[in-house]
Amino acid sequence: MPVLSLRAYAKHRGVSLAAVQKAIRSGRIATTEDGTIDSDRADAEWSAKTRPGQKRSSRVVTPSPAGSYPDAPRAESGGAGSLDYFRARAIRENYLARLAKIEFEEKTAKLISRDEVQVAAFTKARAVRDNLLNIPDRLAATLAAESDPDKVHLILTEEIRRALDDLAGANGN
């Protein structure tokens, strides 16, 4: 557990002092209370919190006073800013994966849009309503001539069943 100054840690890592300062400002590594760096802990944090594809920048970063970046995490936070970045990145990737899955299911016809379902349900409900409301118009004369209540009941039952069978048959086509 060697404790090093910022310059010594930069030399230990083979990076510039500005890179170490940037890592502290962004929360990738934390300093001890006296401002030095525990090299073992910092090496582990550096490896865990640095993106693999991140390239070294050839430009020199001038250190700025603490608090000049309002959204930048503080070194005392123990790297909470970098955890927020990785958490946000994971959420974004999850969201993109879900969108890709939905798009795939739409293209393979396993998923249809909500609007299509609503239109189909409305059309089917309208057909049921119209079919049932037409029964009195079709049977009015026949039922008026009938005096036997059992015969009236039988005629109504058959007509309702026929209307429902027609709708069920339309479902299968």
N, C-alpha and C. Protein backbone atom coordinates (compact mmCIF):
# COMPACT_ATOMS: atom_id res chain seq x y z
N MET A 1 0.83 -1.18 0.00
CA MET A 1 0.00 0.00 0.00
C MET A 1 0.87 1.25 0.00
N PRO A 2 1.67 1.43 -1.06
CA PRO A 2 2.47 2.64 -1.13
C PRO A 2 1.60 3.88 -1.37
N VAL A 3 1.86 4.91 -0.60
CA VAL A 3 1.14 6.18 -0.75
C VAL A 3 2.06 7.11 -1.52
N LEU A 4 1.55 7.64 -2.63
CA LEU A 4 2.37 8.44 -3.53
C LEU A 4 1.77 9.82 -3.73
N SER A 5 2.62 10.76 -4.11
CA SER A 5 2.12 12.08 -4.51
C SER A 5 1.48 11.95 -5.89
N LEU A 6 0.80 12.99 -6.33
CA LEU A 6 0.18 12.95 -7.66
C LEU A 6 1.22 12.74 -8.75
N ARG A 7 2.34 13.48 -8.66
CA ARG A 7 3.39 13.34 -9.67
C ARG A 7 4.01 11.93 -9.66
N ALA A 8 4.24 11.41 -8.46
CA ALA A 8 4.82 10.06 -8.36
C ALA A 8 3.85 9.01 -8.89
N TYR A 9 2.56 9.19 -8.62
CA TYR A 9 1.58 8.23 -9.14
C TYR A 9 1.51 8.31 -10.67
N ALA A 10 1.59 9.53 -11.22
CA ALA A 10 1.58 9.69 -12.68
C ALA A 10 2.77 8.95 -13.28
N LYS A 11 3.92 9.08 -12.65
CA LYS A 11 5.12 8.37 -13.14
C LYS A 11 4.93 6.86 -13.01
N HIS A 12 4.34 6.42 -11.88
CA HIS A 12 4.06 5.00 -11.64
C HIS A 12 3.14 4.44 -12.73
N ARG A 13 2.11 5.18 -13.12
CA ARG A 13 1.15 4.73 -14.15
C ARG A 13 1.68 4.92 -15.55
N GLY A 14 2.68 5.78 -15.72
CA GLY A 14 3.18 6.07 -17.06
C GLY A 14 2.29 7.03 -17.81
N VAL A 15 1.65 7.93 -17.06
CA VAL A 15 0.76 8.93 -17.66
C VAL A 15 1.20 10.31 -17.18
N SER A 16 0.57 11.33 -17.75
CA SER A 16 0.92 12.69 -17.35
C SER A 16 0.24 13.06 -16.04
N LEU A 17 0.77 14.08 -15.40
CA LEU A 17 0.16 14.60 -14.17
C LEU A 17 -1.26 15.07 -14.46
N ALA A 18 -1.46 15.68 -15.62
CA ALA A 18 -2.80 16.14 -16.01
C ALA A 18 -3.79 14.97 -16.10
N ALA A 19 -3.34 13.82 -16.56
CA ALA A 19 -4.23 12.65 -16.66
C ALA A 19 -4.65 12.18 -15.28
N VAL A 20 -3.73 12.22 -14.33
CA VAL A 20 -4.05 11.83 -12.95
C VAL A 20 -5.03 12.83 -12.35
N GLN A 21 -4.78 14.12 -12.57
CA GLN A 21 -5.67 15.16 -12.05
C GLN A 21 -7.07 15.02 -12.66
N LYS A 22 -7.12 14.72 -13.94
CA LYS A 22 -8.41 14.53 -14.61
C LYS A 22 -9.15 13.32 -14.04
N ALA A 23 -8.40 12.24 -13.78
CA ALA A 23 -9.01 11.04 -13.20
C ALA A 23 -9.58 11.33 -11.81
N ILE A 24 -8.89 12.16 -11.05
CA ILE A 24 -9.39 12.53 -9.71
C ILE A 24 -10.64 13.39 -9.85
N ARG A 25 -10.61 14.39 -10.74
CA ARG A 25 -11.77 15.28 -10.94
C ARG A 25 -12.99 14.51 -11.41
N SER A 26 -12.78 13.53 -12.30
CA SER A 26 -13.92 12.78 -12.84
C SER A 26 -14.39 11.67 -11.91
N GLY A 27 -13.63 11.43 -10.83
CA GLY A 27 -14.05 10.42 -9.87
C GLY A 27 -13.58 9.02 -10.20
N ARG A 28 -12.68 8.88 -11.17
CA ARG A 28 -12.18 7.54 -11.50
C ARG A 28 -11.25 7.01 -10.42
N ILE A 29 -10.52 7.91 -9.79
CA ILE A 29 -9.69 7.50 -8.66
C ILE A 29 -9.90 8.47 -7.52
N ALA A 30 -9.67 8.01 -6.31
CA ALA A 30 -9.88 8.85 -5.13
C ALA A 30 -8.54 9.09 -4.44
N THR A 31 -8.46 10.22 -3.79
CA THR A 31 -7.25 10.54 -3.02
C THR A 31 -7.51 10.28 -1.56
N THR A 32 -6.44 10.22 -0.80
CA THR A 32 -6.59 10.08 0.65
C THR A 32 -6.93 11.46 1.21
N GLU A 33 -7.16 11.52 2.51
CA GLU A 33 -7.54 12.80 3.13
C GLU A 33 -6.48 13.87 2.99
N ASP A 34 -5.22 13.46 2.97
CA ASP A 34 -4.15 14.45 2.86
C ASP A 34 -3.80 14.79 1.41
N GLY A 35 -4.53 14.25 0.43
CA GLY A 35 -4.33 14.58 -0.98
C GLY A 35 -3.37 13.66 -1.70
N THR A 36 -2.82 12.67 -1.03
CA THR A 36 -1.94 11.70 -1.69
C THR A 36 -2.78 10.56 -2.25
N ILE A 37 -2.10 9.65 -2.91
CA ILE A 37 -2.82 8.56 -3.59
C ILE A 37 -2.30 7.22 -3.09
N ASP A 38 -3.23 6.35 -2.67
CA ASP A 38 -2.89 4.96 -2.34
C ASP A 38 -2.80 4.24 -3.67
N SER A 39 -1.59 3.89 -4.09
CA SER A 39 -1.38 3.39 -5.44
C SER A 39 -2.11 2.07 -5.72
N ASP A 40 -2.18 1.16 -4.76
CA ASP A 40 -2.88 -0.11 -5.00
C ASP A 40 -4.36 0.11 -5.25
N ARG A 41 -4.98 0.90 -4.39
CA ARG A 41 -6.41 1.18 -4.54
C ARG A 41 -6.67 1.97 -5.81
N ALA A 42 -5.83 2.97 -6.09
CA ALA A 42 -6.00 3.80 -7.28
C ALA A 42 -5.82 2.98 -8.56
N ASP A 43 -4.86 2.03 -8.55
CA ASP A 43 -4.68 1.18 -9.72
C ASP A 43 -5.94 0.35 -9.99
N ALA A 44 -6.52 -0.18 -8.93
CA ALA A 44 -7.74 -0.98 -9.09
C ALA A 44 -8.89 -0.11 -9.58
N GLU A 45 -9.03 1.09 -9.01
CA GLU A 45 -10.10 2.00 -9.45
C GLU A 45 -9.88 2.42 -10.90
N TRP A 46 -8.64 2.73 -11.25
CA TRP A 46 -8.32 3.16 -12.61
C TRP A 46 -8.71 2.07 -13.61
N SER A 47 -8.36 0.84 -13.31
CA SER A 47 -8.68 -0.27 -14.21
C SER A 47 -10.18 -0.49 -14.31
N ALA A 48 -10.87 -0.41 -13.18
CA ALA A 48 -12.31 -0.70 -13.16
C ALA A 48 -13.14 0.41 -13.78
N LYS A 49 -12.70 1.64 -13.66
CA LYS A 49 -13.54 2.78 -14.06
C LYS A 49 -13.10 3.46 -15.35
N THR A 50 -12.12 2.93 -16.02
CA THR A 50 -11.68 3.52 -17.28
C THR A 50 -12.19 2.64 -18.42
N ARG A 51 -12.88 3.27 -19.36
CA ARG A 51 -13.41 2.53 -20.49
C ARG A 51 -12.27 1.93 -21.30
N PRO A 52 -12.42 0.69 -21.76
CA PRO A 52 -11.35 0.02 -22.49
C PRO A 52 -10.99 0.73 -23.79
N GLY A 53 -11.96 1.26 -24.51
CA GLY A 53 -11.71 1.89 -25.80
C GLY A 53 -11.28 3.33 -25.68
N GLN A 54 -11.18 3.84 -24.47
CA GLN A 54 -10.84 5.25 -24.28
C GLN A 54 -9.39 5.49 -24.71
N LYS A 55 -9.21 6.43 -25.62
CA LYS A 55 -7.87 6.70 -26.13
C LYS A 55 -7.21 7.79 -25.30
N ARG A 56 -5.91 7.76 -25.29
CA ARG A 56 -5.16 8.82 -24.62
C ARG A 56 -5.25 10.08 -25.46
N SER A 57 -5.38 11.18 -24.81
CA SER A 57 -5.43 12.45 -25.49
C SER A 57 -4.03 13.03 -25.54
N SER A 58 -3.67 13.61 -26.68
CA SER A 58 -2.34 14.18 -26.79
C SER A 58 -2.31 15.62 -26.30
N ARG A 59 -3.47 16.21 -26.11
CA ARG A 59 -3.49 17.60 -25.64
C ARG A 59 -3.26 17.65 -24.15
N VAL A 60 -2.77 18.78 -23.69
CA VAL A 60 -2.50 18.97 -22.27
C VAL A 60 -3.72 19.58 -21.63
N VAL A 61 -4.17 18.99 -20.55
CA VAL A 61 -5.33 19.50 -19.83
C VAL A 61 -4.82 20.35 -18.68
N THR A 62 -5.25 21.59 -18.66
CA THR A 62 -4.86 22.48 -17.58
C THR A 62 -5.76 22.24 -16.40
N PRO A 63 -5.20 21.96 -15.23
CA PRO A 63 -6.04 21.71 -14.07
C PRO A 63 -6.83 22.97 -13.71
N SER A 64 -8.06 22.78 -13.31
CA SER A 64 -8.89 23.91 -12.92
C SER A 64 -9.21 23.79 -11.45
N PRO A 65 -9.54 24.91 -10.84
CA PRO A 65 -9.86 24.86 -9.41
C PRO A 65 -11.11 24.04 -9.15
N ALA A 66 -11.17 23.40 -8.00
CA ALA A 66 -12.33 22.58 -7.63
C ALA A 66 -13.57 23.43 -7.63
N GLY A 67 -14.63 22.91 -8.14
CA GLY A 67 -15.90 23.62 -8.15
C GLY A 67 -16.13 24.42 -9.41
N SER A 68 -15.15 24.48 -10.35
CA SER A 68 -15.36 25.26 -11.56
C SER A 68 -16.26 24.52 -12.54
N TYR A 69 -16.38 23.20 -12.38
CA TYR A 69 -17.30 22.41 -13.19
C TYR A 69 -18.46 22.01 -12.29
N PRO A 70 -19.64 22.62 -12.46
CA PRO A 70 -20.74 22.34 -11.53
C PRO A 70 -21.23 20.90 -11.56
N ASP A 71 -21.13 20.22 -12.71
CA ASP A 71 -21.65 18.86 -12.79
C ASP A 71 -20.58 17.80 -12.50
N ALA A 72 -19.34 18.23 -12.35
CA ALA A 72 -18.27 17.26 -12.15
C ALA A 72 -18.32 16.70 -10.73
N PRO A 73 -18.12 15.39 -10.58
CA PRO A 73 -18.13 14.81 -9.24
C PRO A 73 -16.90 15.23 -8.46
N ARG A 74 -17.01 15.31 -7.19
CA ARG A 74 -15.91 15.67 -6.31
C ARG A 74 -15.08 14.43 -6.00
N ALA A 75 -13.82 14.62 -5.70
CA ALA A 75 -12.94 13.50 -5.36
C ALA A 75 -13.39 12.85 -4.06
N GLU A 76 -14.01 13.63 -3.15
CA GLU A 76 -14.44 13.07 -1.88
C GLU A 76 -15.59 12.09 -2.06
N SER A 77 -16.29 12.15 -3.20
CA SER A 77 -17.47 11.31 -3.40
C SER A 77 -17.10 9.86 -3.65
N GLY A 78 -15.83 9.57 -3.77
CA GLY A 78 -15.41 8.19 -3.98
C GLY A 78 -15.72 7.69 -5.37
N GLY A 79 -15.82 8.60 -6.34
CA GLY A 79 -16.04 8.16 -7.71
C GLY A 79 -17.50 7.98 -8.07
N ALA A 80 -18.39 8.65 -7.38
CA ALA A 80 -19.81 8.49 -7.67
C ALA A 80 -20.15 8.96 -9.06
N GLY A 81 -19.42 9.95 -9.57
CA GLY A 81 -19.69 10.46 -10.91
C GLY A 81 -19.47 9.40 -11.97
N SER A 82 -18.42 8.64 -11.82
CA SER A 82 -18.15 7.60 -12.82
C SER A 82 -19.18 6.48 -12.72
N LEU A 83 -19.64 6.19 -11.50
CA LEU A 83 -20.68 5.18 -11.36
C LEU A 83 -21.96 5.65 -12.02
N ASP A 84 -22.26 6.96 -11.91
CA ASP A 84 -23.44 7.50 -12.57
C ASP A 84 -23.32 7.35 -14.08
N TYR A 85 -22.12 7.58 -14.60
CA TYR A 85 -21.90 7.43 -16.04
C TYR A 85 -22.16 6.00 -16.47
N PHE A 86 -21.57 5.04 -15.75
CA PHE A 86 -21.74 3.64 -16.13
C PHE A 86 -23.18 3.18 -15.95
N ARG A 87 -23.85 3.67 -14.92
CA ARG A 87 -25.25 3.33 -14.71
C ARG A 87 -26.10 3.89 -15.84
N ALA A 88 -25.85 5.16 -16.22
CA ALA A 88 -26.59 5.78 -17.32
C ALA A 88 -26.31 5.04 -18.62
N ARG A 89 -25.08 4.64 -18.82
CA ARG A 89 -24.72 3.91 -20.04
C ARG A 89 -25.44 2.56 -20.09
N ALA A 90 -25.51 1.88 -18.94
CA ALA A 90 -26.20 0.58 -18.89
C ALA A 90 -27.69 0.76 -19.17
N ILE A 91 -28.28 1.80 -18.61
CA ILE A 91 -29.71 2.07 -18.85
C ILE A 91 -29.94 2.35 -20.34
N ARG A 92 -29.05 3.15 -20.93
CA ARG A 92 -29.18 3.48 -22.35
C ARG A 92 -29.08 2.22 -23.21
N GLU A 93 -28.11 1.38 -22.92
CA GLU A 93 -27.93 0.15 -23.70
C GLU A 93 -29.14 -0.78 -23.55
N ASN A 94 -29.69 -0.86 -22.35
CA ASN A 94 -30.88 -1.67 -22.10
C ASN A 94 -32.06 -1.14 -22.92
N TYR A 95 -32.21 0.17 -22.92
CA TYR A 95 -33.29 0.80 -23.68
C TYR A 95 -33.13 0.52 -25.18
N LEU A 96 -31.91 0.66 -25.70
CA LEU A 96 -31.68 0.40 -27.12
C LEU A 96 -31.92 -1.06 -27.47
N ALA A 97 -31.57 -1.97 -26.56
CA ALA A 97 -31.82 -3.39 -26.80
C ALA A 97 -33.31 -3.67 -26.85
N ARG A 98 -34.07 -3.05 -25.96
CA ARG A 98 -35.53 -3.24 -25.98
C ARG A 98 -36.14 -2.71 -27.26
N LEU A 99 -35.68 -1.54 -27.72
CA LEU A 99 -36.18 -0.98 -28.98
C LEU A 99 -35.85 -1.91 -30.15
N ALA A 100 -34.66 -2.45 -30.15
CA ALA A 100 -34.28 -3.38 -31.23
C ALA A 100 -35.16 -4.62 -31.21
N LYS A 101 -35.47 -5.13 -30.02
CA LYS A 101 -36.33 -6.31 -29.91
C LYS A 101 -37.73 -6.01 -30.44
N ILE A 102 -38.28 -4.85 -30.07
CA ILE A 102 -39.61 -4.47 -30.54
C ILE A 102 -39.62 -4.34 -32.06
N GLU A 103 -38.60 -3.69 -32.60
CA GLU A 103 -38.51 -3.53 -34.05
C GLU A 103 -38.42 -4.88 -34.75
N PHE A 104 -37.64 -5.80 -34.20
CA PHE A 104 -37.52 -7.15 -34.77
C PHE A 104 -38.87 -7.86 -34.75
N GLU A 105 -39.57 -7.79 -33.61
CA GLU A 105 -40.86 -8.47 -33.50
C GLU A 105 -41.89 -7.87 -34.43
N GLU A 106 -41.84 -6.57 -34.66
CA GLU A 106 -42.76 -5.95 -35.62
C GLU A 106 -42.48 -6.46 -37.03
N LYS A 107 -41.20 -6.55 -37.37
CA LYS A 107 -40.84 -6.99 -38.73
C LYS A 107 -41.12 -8.45 -38.96
N THR A 108 -41.10 -9.28 -37.92
CA THR A 108 -41.39 -10.70 -38.07
C THR A 108 -42.86 -11.00 -37.80
N ALA A 109 -43.67 -9.97 -37.68
CA ALA A 109 -45.12 -10.07 -37.50
C ALA A 109 -45.51 -10.77 -36.21
N LYS A 110 -44.65 -10.75 -35.22
CA LYS A 110 -45.01 -11.27 -33.90
C LYS A 110 -45.61 -10.19 -33.04
N LEU A 111 -45.51 -8.96 -33.49
CA LEU A 111 -45.99 -7.82 -32.71
C LEU A 111 -46.70 -6.88 -33.66
N ILE A 112 -47.88 -6.44 -33.27
CA ILE A 112 -48.61 -5.47 -34.08
C ILE A 112 -48.82 -4.22 -33.24
N SER A 113 -49.07 -3.13 -33.92
CA SER A 113 -49.19 -1.87 -33.20
C SER A 113 -50.50 -1.79 -32.42
N ARG A 114 -50.46 -1.01 -31.41
CA ARG A 114 -51.63 -0.80 -30.54
C ARG A 114 -52.79 -0.21 -31.35
N ASP A 115 -52.48 0.70 -32.27
CA ASP A 115 -53.52 1.32 -33.09
C ASP A 115 -54.25 0.29 -33.95
N GLU A 116 -53.50 -0.66 -34.52
CA GLU A 116 -54.13 -1.71 -35.34
C GLU A 116 -55.08 -2.56 -34.49
N VAL A 117 -54.67 -2.87 -33.27
CA VAL A 117 -55.52 -3.66 -32.38
C VAL A 117 -56.77 -2.89 -32.02
N GLN A 118 -56.63 -1.61 -31.74
CA GLN A 118 -57.79 -0.80 -31.38
C GLN A 118 -58.78 -0.70 -32.54
N VAL A 119 -58.28 -0.52 -33.76
CA VAL A 119 -59.15 -0.43 -34.93
C VAL A 119 -59.88 -1.76 -35.15
N ALA A 120 -59.16 -2.87 -35.02
CA ALA A 120 -59.77 -4.19 -35.22
C ALA A 120 -60.82 -4.46 -34.15
N ALA A 121 -60.53 -4.11 -32.90
CA ALA A 121 -61.50 -4.32 -31.82
C ALA A 121 -62.74 -3.46 -32.03
N PHE A 122 -62.54 -2.22 -32.45
CA PHE A 122 -63.68 -1.34 -32.69
C PHE A 122 -64.53 -1.87 -33.84
N THR A 123 -63.89 -2.33 -34.90
CA THR A 123 -64.62 -2.87 -36.05
C THR A 123 -65.42 -4.10 -35.66
N LYS A 124 -64.82 -4.99 -34.88
CA LYS A 124 -65.52 -6.21 -34.44
C LYS A 124 -66.69 -5.85 -33.53
N ALA A 125 -66.48 -4.95 -32.60
CA ALA A 125 -67.56 -4.55 -31.68
C ALA A 125 -68.70 -3.89 -32.46
N ARG A 126 -68.36 -3.10 -33.47
CA ARG A 126 -69.39 -2.45 -34.28
C ARG A 126 -70.19 -3.49 -35.06
N ALA A 127 -69.54 -4.54 -35.57
CA ALA A 127 -70.23 -5.61 -36.29
C ALA A 127 -71.17 -6.37 -35.36
N VAL A 128 -70.72 -6.66 -34.13
CA VAL A 128 -71.58 -7.34 -33.15
C VAL A 128 -72.81 -6.49 -32.87
N ARG A 129 -72.58 -5.22 -32.61
CA ARG A 129 -73.68 -4.30 -32.29
C ARG A 129 -74.68 -4.24 -33.45
N ASP A 130 -74.18 -4.04 -34.67
CA ASP A 130 -75.07 -3.92 -35.83
C ASP A 130 -75.84 -5.21 -36.07
N ASN A 131 -75.15 -6.35 -35.95
CA ASN A 131 -75.80 -7.63 -36.18
C ASN A 131 -76.92 -7.87 -35.18
N LEU A 132 -76.67 -7.55 -33.91
CA LEU A 132 -77.71 -7.76 -32.89
C LEU A 132 -78.84 -6.75 -33.01
N LEU A 133 -78.54 -5.52 -33.37
CA LEU A 133 -79.59 -4.51 -33.52
C LEU A 133 -80.47 -4.75 -34.75
N ASN A 134 -80.00 -5.53 -35.70
CA ASN A 134 -80.80 -5.83 -36.89
C ASN A 134 -81.81 -6.96 -36.66
N ILE A 135 -81.67 -7.68 -35.56
CA ILE A 135 -82.59 -8.80 -35.30
C ILE A 135 -84.05 -8.33 -35.22
N PRO A 136 -84.37 -7.27 -34.48
CA PRO A 136 -85.78 -6.86 -34.43
C PRO A 136 -86.35 -6.50 -35.80
N ASP A 137 -85.55 -5.84 -36.64
CA ASP A 137 -86.03 -5.47 -37.97
C ASP A 137 -86.31 -6.70 -38.83
N ARG A 138 -85.47 -7.72 -38.70
CA ARG A 138 -85.68 -8.93 -39.49
C ARG A 138 -86.86 -9.76 -38.99
N LEU A 139 -87.13 -9.74 -37.67
CA LEU A 139 -88.13 -10.64 -37.10
C LEU A 139 -89.46 -9.98 -36.73
N ALA A 140 -89.57 -8.69 -36.86
CA ALA A 140 -90.77 -7.99 -36.39
C ALA A 140 -92.05 -8.58 -36.98
N ALA A 141 -92.12 -8.78 -38.27
CA ALA A 141 -93.34 -9.28 -38.91
C ALA A 141 -93.62 -10.73 -38.51
N THR A 142 -92.56 -11.54 -38.44
CA THR A 142 -92.74 -12.95 -38.09
C THR A 142 -93.24 -13.08 -36.67
N LEU A 143 -92.65 -12.32 -35.74
CA LEU A 143 -93.04 -12.41 -34.34
C LEU A 143 -94.44 -11.83 -34.09
N ALA A 144 -94.83 -10.84 -34.89
CA ALA A 144 -96.16 -10.24 -34.72
C ALA A 144 -97.25 -11.24 -35.11
N ALA A 145 -96.96 -12.11 -36.06
CA ALA A 145 -97.95 -13.09 -36.51
C ALA A 145 -98.00 -14.30 -35.60
N GLU A 146 -97.02 -14.45 -34.73
CA GLU A 146 -96.93 -15.63 -33.86
C GLU A 146 -97.64 -15.38 -32.54
N SER A 147 -98.51 -16.32 -32.12
CA SER A 147 -99.24 -16.15 -30.86
C SER A 147 -98.70 -17.06 -29.76
N ASP A 148 -97.90 -18.06 -30.13
CA ASP A 148 -97.38 -19.01 -29.15
C ASP A 148 -96.08 -18.45 -28.55
N PRO A 149 -96.03 -18.18 -27.22
CA PRO A 149 -94.82 -17.63 -26.59
C PRO A 149 -93.60 -18.56 -26.75
N ASP A 150 -93.79 -19.86 -26.71
CA ASP A 150 -92.66 -20.77 -26.86
C ASP A 150 -92.08 -20.68 -28.27
N LYS A 151 -92.95 -20.54 -29.25
CA LYS A 151 -92.49 -20.40 -30.64
C LYS A 151 -91.73 -19.10 -30.82
N VAL A 152 -92.19 -17.99 -30.19
CA VAL A 152 -91.49 -16.69 -30.25
C VAL A 152 -90.10 -16.82 -29.63
N HIS A 153 -90.02 -17.49 -28.48
CA HIS A 153 -88.75 -17.70 -27.80
C HIS A 153 -87.79 -18.49 -28.68
N LEU A 154 -88.28 -19.53 -29.32
CA LEU A 154 -87.46 -20.37 -30.19
C LEU A 154 -86.94 -19.57 -31.39
N ILE A 155 -87.80 -18.76 -31.99
CA ILE A 155 -87.39 -17.96 -33.15
C ILE A 155 -86.31 -16.94 -32.74
N LEU A 156 -86.50 -16.27 -31.61
CA LEU A 156 -85.51 -15.31 -31.13
C LEU A 156 -84.16 -15.98 -30.81
N THR A 157 -84.23 -17.11 -30.15
CA THR A 157 -83.01 -17.84 -29.79
C THR A 157 -82.25 -18.26 -31.04
N GLU A 158 -82.94 -18.78 -32.02
CA GLU A 158 -82.29 -19.21 -33.26
C GLU A 158 -81.66 -18.03 -34.00
N GLU A 159 -82.35 -16.91 -34.02
CA GLU A 159 -81.82 -15.74 -34.73
C GLU A 159 -80.59 -15.16 -34.03
N ILE A 160 -80.61 -15.11 -32.72
CA ILE A 160 -79.46 -14.61 -31.96
C ILE A 160 -78.27 -15.55 -32.17
N ARG A 161 -78.53 -16.87 -32.11
CA ARG A 161 -77.46 -17.84 -32.32
C ARG A 161 -76.90 -17.71 -33.74
N ARG A 162 -77.75 -17.52 -34.74
CA ARG A 162 -77.30 -17.35 -36.11
C ARG A 162 -76.43 -16.10 -36.26
N ALA A 163 -76.85 -15.02 -35.61
CA ALA A 163 -76.07 -13.77 -35.67
C ALA A 163 -74.70 -13.96 -35.05
N LEU A 164 -74.66 -14.66 -33.90
CA LEU A 164 -73.38 -14.90 -33.22
C LEU A 164 -72.52 -15.88 -34.01
N ASP A 165 -73.13 -16.87 -34.63
CA ASP A 165 -72.37 -17.82 -35.46
C ASP A 165 -71.75 -17.10 -36.67
N ASP A 166 -72.52 -16.17 -37.26
CA ASP A 166 -71.99 -15.40 -38.38
C ASP A 166 -70.76 -14.60 -37.95
N LEU A 167 -70.83 -14.01 -36.77
CA LEU A 167 -69.68 -13.25 -36.26
C LEU A 167 -68.49 -14.14 -35.94
N ALA A 168 -68.76 -15.32 -35.40
CA ALA A 168 -67.69 -16.25 -35.11
C ALA A 168 -67.06 -16.76 -36.39
N GLY A 169 -67.86 -16.98 -37.41
CA GLY A 169 -67.35 -17.41 -38.71
C GLY A 169 -66.52 -16.33 -39.37
N ALA A 170 -66.89 -15.08 -39.18
CA ALA A 170 -66.12 -13.97 -39.72
C ALA A 170 -64.76 -13.87 -39.03
N ASN A 171 -64.70 -14.32 -37.78
CA ASN A 171 -63.45 -14.31 -37.01
C ASN A 171 -62.44 -15.27 -37.60
N GLY A 172 -62.90 -16.44 -38.05
CA GLY A 172 -62.01 -17.46 -38.57
C GLY A 172 -61.50 -17.14 -39.96
N ASN A 173 -62.16 -16.26 -40.70
CA ASN A 173 -61.77 -15.95 -42.07
C ASN A 173 -60.74 -14.87 -42.13
